[in-house]
PDB file of N, CA and C in Angstrom:
ATOM      1  N   MET A   1      20.733 -30.477  47.610  1.00  0.00           N
ATOM      2  CA  MET A   1      19.540 -29.953  47.628  1.00  0.00           C
ATOM      3  C   MET A   1      19.980 -28.524  48.382  1.00  0.00           C
ATOM      4  N   ALA A   2      18.914 -27.686  47.929  1.00  0.00           N
ATOM      5  CA  ALA A   2      19.310 -26.342  48.329  1.00  0.00           C
ATOM      6  C   ALA A   2      18.755 -26.108  49.706  1.00  0.00           C
ATOM      7  N   ALA A   3      19.529 -25.013  50.475  1.00  0.00           N
ATOM      8  CA  ALA A   3      19.529 -24.799  51.794  1.00  0.00           C
ATOM      9  C   ALA A   3      18.223 -23.405  51.803  1.00  0.00           C
ATOM     10  N   ARG A   4      17.355 -24.032  52.976  1.00  0.00           N
ATOM     11  CA  ARG A   4      16.125 -23.831  53.059  1.00  0.00           C
ATOM     12  C   ARG A   4      16.294 -22.296  54.526  1.00  0.00           C
ATOM     13  N   ALA A   5      15.429 -21.394  53.573  1.00  0.00           N
ATOM     14  CA  ALA A   5      15.702 -19.769  54.634  1.00  0.00           C
ATOM     15  C   ALA A   5      14.880 -20.661  55.939  1.00  0.00           C
ATOM     16  N   GLN A   6      15.646 -19.689  56.797  1.00  0.00           N
ATOM     17  CA  GLN A   6      15.544 -19.926  58.268  1.00  0.00           C
ATOM     18  C   GLN A   6      14.508 -18.860  58.715  1.00  0.00           C
ATOM     19  N   ASN A   7      13.981 -18.722  60.162  1.00  0.00           N
ATOM     20  CA  ASN A   7      13.286 -17.830  60.936  1.00  0.00           C
ATOM     21  C   ASN A   7      12.412 -17.099  60.057  1.00  0.00           C
ATOM     22  N   ILE A   8      12.227 -17.455  58.884  1.00  0.00           N
ATOM     23  CA  ILE A   8      10.568 -16.753  58.006  1.00  0.00           C
ATOM     24  C   ILE A   8       9.628 -16.963  59.031  1.00  0.00           C
ATOM     25  N   ASN A   9       8.655 -15.852  58.515  1.00  0.00           N
ATOM     26  CA  ASN A   9       7.134 -15.956  59.462  1.00  0.00           C
ATOM     27  C   ASN A   9       6.895 -16.198  57.994  1.00  0.00           C
ATOM     28  N   PRO A  10       5.326 -17.422  58.456  1.00  0.00           N
ATOM     29  CA  PRO A  10       4.898 -17.659  56.700  1.00  0.00           C
ATOM     30  C   PRO A  10       3.527 -16.547  56.391  1.00  0.00           C
ATOM     31  N   SER A  11       2.867 -15.992  57.666  1.00  0.00           N
ATOM     32  CA  SER A  11       2.095 -15.157  57.745  1.00  0.00           C
ATOM     33  C   SER A  11       2.457 -13.640  56.905  1.00  0.00           C
ATOM     34  N   ILE A  12       4.166 -13.348  57.151  1.00  0.00           N
ATOM     35  CA  ILE A  12       4.560 -12.586  56.616  1.00  0.00           C
ATOM     36  C   ILE A  12       4.720 -12.135  54.968  1.00  0.00           C
ATOM     37  N   LEU A  13       5.179 -13.749  54.258  1.00  0.00           N
ATOM     38  CA  LEU A  13       4.804 -14.231  52.922  1.00  0.00           C
ATOM     39  C   LEU A  13       3.492 -13.625  52.623  1.00  0.00           C
ATOM     40  N   THR A  14       2.559 -14.351  52.997  1.00  0.00           N
ATOM     41  CA  THR A  14       1.320 -14.198  52.383  1.00  0.00           C
ATOM     42  C   THR A  14       0.877 -12.678  52.470  1.00  0.00           C
ATOM     43  N   TRP A  15       1.124 -11.476  53.398  1.00  0.00           N
ATOM     44  CA  TRP A  15       1.060 -10.487  53.913  1.00  0.00           C
ATOM     45  C   TRP A  15       1.912  -9.459  52.063  1.00  0.00           C
ATOM     46  N   ALA A  16       3.225  -9.966  52.323  1.00  0.00           N
ATOM     47  CA  ALA A  16       3.712  -9.553  51.588  1.00  0.00           C
ATOM     48  C   ALA A  16       3.374  -9.667  50.077  1.00  0.00           C
ATOM     49  N   ARG A  17       2.957 -10.643  49.798  1.00  0.00           N
ATOM     50  CA  ARG A  17       2.412 -11.085  48.655  1.00  0.00           C
ATOM     51  C   ARG A  17       0.880 -10.257  48.000  1.00  0.00           C
ATOM     52  N   GLU A  18      -0.028 -10.236  48.929  1.00  0.00           N
ATOM     53  CA  GLU A  18      -1.169  -9.866  48.927  1.00  0.00           C
ATOM     54  C   GLU A  18      -0.910  -8.059  48.695  1.00  0.00           C
ATOM     55  N   THR A  19       0.166  -7.686  49.695  1.00  0.00           N
ATOM     56  CA  THR A  19       0.449  -6.236  49.265  1.00  0.00           C
ATOM     57  C   THR A  19       0.962  -5.533  48.216  1.00  0.00           C
ATOM     58  N   ALA A  20       1.890  -6.778  47.619  1.00  0.00           N
ATOM     59  CA  ALA A  20       2.448  -6.365  46.674  1.00  0.00           C
ATOM     60  C   ALA A  20       1.243  -6.335  45.320  1.00  0.00           C
ATOM     61  N   GLY A  21       0.381  -6.779  45.481  1.00  0.00           N
ATOM     62  CA  GLY A  21      -0.757  -7.028  44.717  1.00  0.00           C
ATOM     63  C   GLY A  21      -0.698  -8.128  43.587  1.00  0.00           C
ATOM     64  N   ARG A  22      -0.460  -9.314  44.129  1.00  0.00           N
ATOM     65  CA  ARG A  22       0.342 -10.529  43.279  1.00  0.00           C
ATOM     66  C   ARG A  22      -0.588 -11.712  43.591  1.00  0.00           C
ATOM     67  N   HIS A  23      -0.993 -12.092  42.443  1.00  0.00           N
ATOM     68  CA  HIS A  23      -2.237 -13.401  42.837  1.00  0.00           C
ATOM     69  C   HIS A  23      -1.044 -14.497  43.214  1.00  0.00           C
ATOM     70  N   ILE A  24      -1.759 -15.521  43.482  1.00  0.00           N
ATOM     71  CA  ILE A  24      -0.884 -16.824  44.208  1.00  0.00           C
ATOM     72  C   ILE A  24      -0.636 -17.231  42.676  1.00  0.00           C
ATOM     73  N   ASP A  25      -0.931 -17.453  41.752  1.00  0.00           N
ATOM     74  CA  ASP A  25      -0.727 -18.373  40.805  1.00  0.00           C
ATOM     75  C   ASP A  25       0.715 -17.669  39.859  1.00  0.00           C
ATOM     76  N   GLU A  26       0.289 -16.272  39.684  1.00  0.00           N
ATOM     77  CA  GLU A  26       1.088 -15.534  38.921  1.00  0.00           C
ATOM     78  C   GLU A  26       2.745 -15.271  39.879  1.00  0.00           C
ATOM     79  N   THR A  27       2.404 -15.858  41.059  1.00  0.00           N
ATOM     80  CA  THR A  27       3.485 -15.569  42.248  1.00  0.00           C
ATOM     81  C   THR A  27       4.535 -16.868  41.694  1.00  0.00           C
ATOM     82  N   ALA A  28       3.907 -18.290  41.894  1.00  0.00           N
ATOM     83  CA  ALA A  28       3.995 -19.136  41.271  1.00  0.00           C
ATOM     84  C   ALA A  28       5.082 -19.596  40.019  1.00  0.00           C
ATOM     85  N   LYS A  29       3.724 -19.052  38.828  1.00  0.00           N
ATOM     86  CA  LYS A  29       4.625 -18.985  37.512  1.00  0.00           C
ATOM     87  C   LYS A  29       6.188 -17.946  37.715  1.00  0.00           C
ATOM     88  N   LYS A  30       6.002 -16.538  37.893  1.00  0.00           N
ATOM     89  CA  LYS A  30       7.613 -15.978  38.279  1.00  0.00           C
ATOM     90  C   LYS A  30       8.279 -16.574  38.960  1.00  0.00           C
ATOM     91  N   LEU A  31       8.290 -17.183  40.031  1.00  0.00           N
ATOM     92  CA  LEU A  31       8.978 -18.079  40.824  1.00  0.00           C
ATOM     93  C   LEU A  31       9.780 -19.218  40.360  1.00  0.00           C
ATOM     94  N   GLY A  32       9.233 -19.328  38.738  1.00  0.00           N
ATOM     95  CA  GLY A  32       9.318 -20.566  38.043  1.00  0.00           C
ATOM     96  C   GLY A  32       9.084 -22.264  38.698  1.00  0.00           C
ATOM     97  N   LEU A  33       8.261 -22.356  39.917  1.00  0.00           N
ATOM     98  CA  LEU A  33       7.755 -23.458  40.298  1.00  0.00           C
ATOM     99  C   LEU A  33       7.000 -24.336  39.249  1.00  0.00           C
ATOM    100  N   SER A  34       7.219 -25.485  39.315  1.00  0.00           N
ATOM    101  CA  SER A  34       6.284 -26.475  38.045  1.00  0.00           C
ATOM    102  C   SER A  34       5.546 -27.006  38.641  1.00  0.00           C
ATOM    103  N   SER A  35       4.645 -27.437  38.509  1.00  0.00           N
ATOM    104  CA  SER A  35       3.384 -28.666  39.194  1.00  0.00           C
ATOM    105  C   SER A  35       3.880 -30.102  38.897  1.00  0.00           C
ATOM    106  N   SER A  36       4.018 -30.487  39.910  1.00  0.00           N
ATOM    107  CA  SER A  36       4.483 -32.149  39.749  1.00  0.00           C
ATOM    108  C   SER A  36       3.446 -32.891  39.793  1.00  0.00           C
ATOM    109  N   GLN A  37       3.526 -34.731  40.091  1.00  0.00           N
ATOM    110  CA  GLN A  37       3.053 -35.525  40.140  1.00  0.00           C
ATOM    111  C   GLN A  37       1.910 -35.211  41.889  1.00  0.00           C
ATOM    112  N   LYS A  38       2.890 -34.409  42.778  1.00  0.00           N
ATOM    113  CA  LYS A  38       2.337 -34.358  44.028  1.00  0.00           C
ATOM    114  C   LYS A  38       1.426 -33.126  44.236  1.00  0.00           C
ATOM    115  N   SER A  39       1.807 -32.140  43.519  1.00  0.00           N
ATOM    116  CA  SER A  39       1.032 -30.765  43.965  1.00  0.00           C
ATOM    117  C   SER A  39       1.473 -29.885  42.699  1.00  0.00           C
ATOM    118  N   SER A  40       0.709 -28.736  42.468  1.00  0.00           N
ATOM    119  CA  SER A  40       0.883 -28.051  41.641  1.00  0.00           C
ATOM    120  C   SER A  40       0.975 -26.653  41.965  1.00  0.00           C
ATOM    121  N   ALA A  41       2.198 -25.971  41.325  1.00  0.00           N
ATOM    122  CA  ALA A  41       3.578 -24.690  41.259  1.00  0.00           C
ATOM    123  C   ALA A  41       2.050 -23.952  42.404  1.00  0.00           C
ATOM    124  N   THR A  42       0.637 -23.630  42.229  1.00  0.00           N
ATOM    125  CA  THR A  42       0.078 -22.351  43.164  1.00  0.00           C
ATOM    126  C   THR A  42       0.409 -23.687  44.690  1.00  0.00           C
ATOM    127  N   GLU A  43      -0.399 -24.877  44.668  1.00  0.00           N
ATOM    128  CA  GLU A  43      -0.062 -25.584  46.066  1.00  0.00           C
ATOM    129  C   GLU A  43       1.440 -25.232  46.762  1.00  0.00           C
ATOM    130  N   LYS A  44       2.501 -25.392  45.763  1.00  0.00           N
ATOM    131  CA  LYS A  44       3.871 -25.202  46.745  1.00  0.00           C
ATOM    132  C   LYS A  44       4.178 -23.754  47.156  1.00  0.00           C
ATOM    133  N   ILE A  45       3.327 -22.584  46.927  1.00  0.00           N
ATOM    134  CA  ILE A  45       3.350 -21.143  47.422  1.00  0.00           C
ATOM    135  C   ILE A  45       2.385 -20.969  48.466  1.00  0.00           C
ATOM    136  N   GLU A  46       1.100 -22.157  48.140  1.00  0.00           N
ATOM    137  CA  GLU A  46       0.266 -22.381  49.806  1.00  0.00           C
ATOM    138  C   GLU A  46       1.007 -22.685  50.940  1.00  0.00           C
ATOM    139  N   VAL A  47       2.194 -23.977  50.396  1.00  0.00           N
ATOM    140  CA  VAL A  47       2.570 -24.581  51.320  1.00  0.00           C
ATOM    141  C   VAL A  47       3.711 -23.278  52.029  1.00  0.00           C
ATOM    142  N   PHE A  48       4.292 -22.611  51.686  1.00  0.00           N
ATOM    143  CA  PHE A  48       5.256 -21.623  52.262  1.00  0.00           C
ATOM    144  C   PHE A  48       4.512 -20.701  53.030  1.00  0.00           C
ATOM    145  N   GLU A  49       3.435 -20.327  52.178  1.00  0.00           N
ATOM    146  CA  GLU A  49       2.248 -19.359  53.310  1.00  0.00           C
ATOM    147  C   GLU A  49       1.826 -20.323  54.471  1.00  0.00           C
ATOM    148  N   GLU A  50       1.604 -21.561  54.486  1.00  0.00           N
ATOM    149  CA  GLU A  50       1.216 -22.510  55.700  1.00  0.00           C
ATOM    150  C   GLU A  50       1.927 -22.389  56.599  1.00  0.00           C
ATOM    151  N   GLY A  51       3.335 -21.967  56.093  1.00  0.00           N
ATOM    152  CA  GLY A  51       4.586 -22.404  57.086  1.00  0.00           C
ATOM    153  C   GLY A  51       4.777 -24.219  57.144  1.00  0.00           C
ATOM    154  N   GLU A  52       4.453 -24.875  55.946  1.00  0.00           N
ATOM    155  CA  GLU A  52       4.347 -26.497  55.774  1.00  0.00           C
ATOM    156  C   GLU A  52       5.904 -26.961  55.527  1.00  0.00           C
ATOM    157  N   LYS A  53       6.232 -25.547  54.736  1.00  0.00           N
ATOM    158  CA  LYS A  53       7.890 -25.948  54.242  1.00  0.00           C
ATOM    159  C   LYS A  53       8.546 -24.541  53.948  1.00  0.00           C
ATOM    160  N   LYS A  54       9.471 -24.404  54.041  1.00  0.00           N
ATOM    161  CA  LYS A  54      10.360 -23.112  53.770  1.00  0.00           C
ATOM    162  C   LYS A  54      10.912 -22.488  52.463  1.00  0.00           C
ATOM    163  N   PRO A  55      10.956 -21.559  51.947  1.00  0.00           N
ATOM    164  CA  PRO A  55      11.217 -21.755  50.580  1.00  0.00           C
ATOM    165  C   PRO A  55      12.929 -21.297  50.683  1.00  0.00           C
ATOM    166  N   THR A  56      13.413 -22.059  49.890  1.00  0.00           N
ATOM    167  CA  THR A  56      14.964 -21.929  49.783  1.00  0.00           C
ATOM    168  C   THR A  56      15.395 -20.587  49.387  1.00  0.00           C
ATOM    169  N   ARG A  57      16.687 -20.355  50.250  1.00  0.00           N
ATOM    170  CA  ARG A  57      17.311 -18.990  49.989  1.00  0.00           C
ATOM    171  C   ARG A  57      17.042 -17.866  48.931  1.00  0.00           C
ATOM    172  N   LYS A  58      17.482 -18.535  47.805  1.00  0.00           N
ATOM    173  CA  LYS A  58      17.267 -18.480  46.697  1.00  0.00           C
ATOM    174  C   LYS A  58      15.712 -18.126  45.743  1.00  0.00           C
ATOM    175  N   GLN A  59      14.913 -18.697  46.753  1.00  0.00           N
ATOM    176  CA  GLN A  59      13.245 -18.319  46.229  1.00  0.00           C
ATOM    177  C   GLN A  59      13.041 -16.786  47.173  1.00  0.00           C
ATOM    178  N   LEU A  60      13.730 -17.090  48.337  1.00  0.00           N
ATOM    179  CA  LEU A  60      13.179 -16.119  49.413  1.00  0.00           C
ATOM    180  C   LEU A  60      13.980 -14.593  48.660  1.00  0.00           C
ATOM    181  N   LEU A  61      14.802 -14.686  48.089  1.00  0.00           N
ATOM    182  CA  LEU A  61      15.556 -13.649  47.772  1.00  0.00           C
ATOM    183  C   LEU A  61      14.392 -13.352  46.399  1.00  0.00           C
ATOM    184  N   GLU A  62      14.432 -14.268  45.273  1.00  0.00           N
ATOM    185  CA  GLU A  62      13.402 -13.501  44.261  1.00  0.00           C
ATOM    186  C   GLU A  62      12.046 -12.994  44.709  1.00  0.00           C
ATOM    187  N   LEU A  63      11.777 -13.846  46.127  1.00  0.00           N
ATOM    188  CA  LEU A  63      10.186 -13.071  46.711  1.00  0.00           C
ATOM    189  C   LEU A  63      10.295 -11.701  46.889  1.00  0.00           C
ATOM    190  N   ALA A  64      11.389 -11.571  47.940  1.00  0.00           N
ATOM    191  CA  ALA A  64      11.830 -10.355  48.104  1.00  0.00           C
ATOM    192  C   ALA A  64      11.849  -9.424  47.052  1.00  0.00           C
ATOM    193  N   LYS A  65      12.457  -9.344  46.088  1.00  0.00           N
ATOM    194  CA  LYS A  65      12.456  -8.461  44.604  1.00  0.00           C
ATOM    195  C   LYS A  65      11.097  -8.529  43.811  1.00  0.00           C
ATOM    196  N   MET A  66      10.342  -9.540  44.168  1.00  0.00           N
ATOM    197  CA  MET A  66       8.941  -9.595  43.198  1.00  0.00           C
ATOM    198  C   MET A  66       8.092  -9.002  43.920  1.00  0.00           C
ATOM    199  N   TYR A  67       8.139  -8.793  45.164  1.00  0.00           N
ATOM    200  CA  TYR A  67       7.380  -7.851  46.159  1.00  0.00           C
ATOM    201  C   TYR A  67       7.559  -6.760  46.897  1.00  0.00           C
ATOM    202  N   HIS A  68       8.720  -6.378  46.069  1.00  0.00           N
ATOM    203  CA  HIS A  68       9.824  -4.994  46.431  1.00  0.00           C
ATOM    204  C   HIS A  68       9.852  -4.688  48.155  1.00  0.00           C
ATOM    205  N   ARG A  69      10.300  -5.971  48.767  1.00  0.00           N
ATOM    206  CA  ARG A  69      10.137  -5.747  50.652  1.00  0.00           C
ATOM    207  C   ARG A  69      12.271  -6.468  50.654  1.00  0.00           C
ATOM    208  N   SER A  70      12.379  -5.528  51.624  1.00  0.00           N
ATOM    209  CA  SER A  70      13.670  -6.234  52.105  1.00  0.00           C
ATOM    210  C   SER A  70      13.431  -7.981  52.800  1.00  0.00           C
ATOM    211  N   LEU A  71      14.699  -8.427  52.944  1.00  0.00           N
ATOM    212  CA  LEU A  71      14.874  -9.578  53.396  1.00  0.00           C
ATOM    213  C   LEU A  71      14.285  -9.740  54.819  1.00  0.00           C
ATOM    214  N   ALA A  72      14.713  -8.832  55.614  1.00  0.00           N
ATOM    215  CA  ALA A  72      14.246  -8.542  57.009  1.00  0.00           C
ATOM    216  C   ALA A  72      12.953  -8.303  57.519  1.00  0.00           C
ATOM    217  N   VAL A  73      12.413  -8.243  56.340  1.00  0.00           N
ATOM    218  CA  VAL A  73      10.765  -7.962  56.526  1.00  0.00           C
ATOM    219  C   VAL A  73       9.773  -9.726  57.039  1.00  0.00           C
ATOM    220  N   PHE A  74      10.634 -10.425  56.273  1.00  0.00           N
ATOM    221  CA  PHE A  74      10.128 -11.612  55.875  1.00  0.00           C
ATOM    222  C   PHE A  74      10.798 -12.506  57.379  1.00  0.00           C
ATOM    223  N   CYS A  75      11.425 -11.646  58.240  1.00  0.00           N
ATOM    224  CA  CYS A  75      11.947 -12.248  59.987  1.00  0.00           C
ATOM    225  C   CYS A  75      11.009 -11.602  60.944  1.00  0.00           C
ATOM    226  N   LEU A  76      10.086 -11.026  60.596  1.00  0.00           N
ATOM    227  CA  LEU A  76       9.331 -10.116  61.476  1.00  0.00           C
ATOM    228  C   LEU A  76       7.873 -10.840  62.012  1.00  0.00           C
ATOM    229  N   ASN A  77       7.878 -10.669  63.593  1.00  0.00           N
ATOM    230  CA  ASN A  77       6.848 -11.693  63.874  1.00  0.00           C
ATOM    231  C   ASN A  77       5.466 -11.466  63.318  1.00  0.00           C
ATOM    232  N   GLU A  78       5.300  -9.771  62.758  1.00  0.00           N
ATOM    233  CA  GLU A  78       4.144  -9.543  62.656  1.00  0.00           C
ATOM    234  C   GLU A  78       4.144  -8.968  61.690  1.00  0.00           C
ATOM    235  N   PRO A  79       3.347  -8.788  60.560  1.00  0.00           N
ATOM    236  CA  PRO A  79       3.272  -7.190  59.018  1.00  0.00           C
ATOM    237  C   PRO A  79       3.473  -5.971  60.068  1.00  0.00           C
ATOM    238  N   PRO A  80       4.288  -5.239  59.315  1.00  0.00           N
ATOM    239  CA  PRO A  80       4.719  -3.760  59.727  1.00  0.00           C
ATOM    240  C   PRO A  80       2.974  -3.150  59.947  1.00  0.00           C
ATOM    241  N   ARG A  81       2.619  -1.723  60.603  1.00  0.00           N
ATOM    242  CA  ARG A  81       1.629  -1.444  60.807  1.00  0.00           C
ATOM    243  C   ARG A  81       1.365  -0.710  59.718  1.00  0.00           C
ATOM    244  N   GLU A  82       0.335  -0.063  58.771  1.00  0.00           N
ATOM    245  CA  GLU A  82       0.467   0.888  58.293  1.00  0.00           C
ATOM    246  C   GLU A  82      -0.176   1.988  58.718  1.00  0.00           C
ATOM    247  N   SER A  83       1.174   3.073  57.940  1.00  0.00           N
ATOM    248  CA  SER A  83       0.657   4.761  58.448  1.00  0.00           C
ATOM    249  C   SER A  83      -0.464   5.215  58.209  1.00  0.00           C
ATOM    250  N   ASP A  84      -0.482   6.406  58.557  1.00  0.00           N
ATOM    251  CA  ASP A  84      -1.444   7.404  57.820  1.00  0.00           C
ATOM    252  C   ASP A  84      -0.748   8.037  56.496  1.00  0.00           C
ATOM    253  N   ARG A  85       0.839   8.314  56.763  1.00  0.00           N
ATOM    254  CA  ARG A  85       1.577   8.509  55.616  1.00  0.00           C
ATOM    255  C   ARG A  85       1.871   7.946  54.368  1.00  0.00           C
ATOM    256  N   GLY A  86       1.723   6.735  54.814  1.00  0.00           N
ATOM    257  CA  GLY A  86       1.995   6.059  53.511  1.00  0.00           C
ATOM    258  C   GLY A  86       2.857   4.944  53.724  1.00  0.00           C
ATOM    259  N   GLU A  87       3.933   3.972  52.612  1.00  0.00           N
ATOM    260  CA  GLU A  87       4.543   3.279  53.501  1.00  0.00           C
ATOM    261  C   GLU A  87       5.627   3.535  52.855  1.00  0.00           C
ATOM    262  N   ASP A  88       6.471   2.922  53.292  1.00  0.00           N
ATOM    263  CA  ASP A  88       7.597   3.240  53.230  1.00  0.00           C
ATOM    264  C   ASP A  88       8.859   1.691  52.949  1.00  0.00           C
ATOM    265  N   PHE A  89       8.938   1.034  52.312  1.00  0.00           N
ATOM    266  CA  PHE A  89       9.808  -0.166  52.206  1.00  0.00           C
ATOM    267  C   PHE A  89      10.460  -0.423  51.750  1.00  0.00           C
TER     268      PHE A  89
END
């Protein structure tokens, strides 16, 4: 069983996906998640974003690449504020 990422803020996962302009279905597909009898691939992303389950370290690395975010951002207590001068992530 793969090690799960620790200290991840689930609301940051949602923020990162939304600010990257990614739809939840697209994210699940690019992450390589597949549907099972218990849940769909989209539901698996929703479970991560709701904090019911943490992504594996490998999945978190892929999400960071996909969303163009550093790994450290996923450990913040709240999403970074948007500045008037643009974003620099």
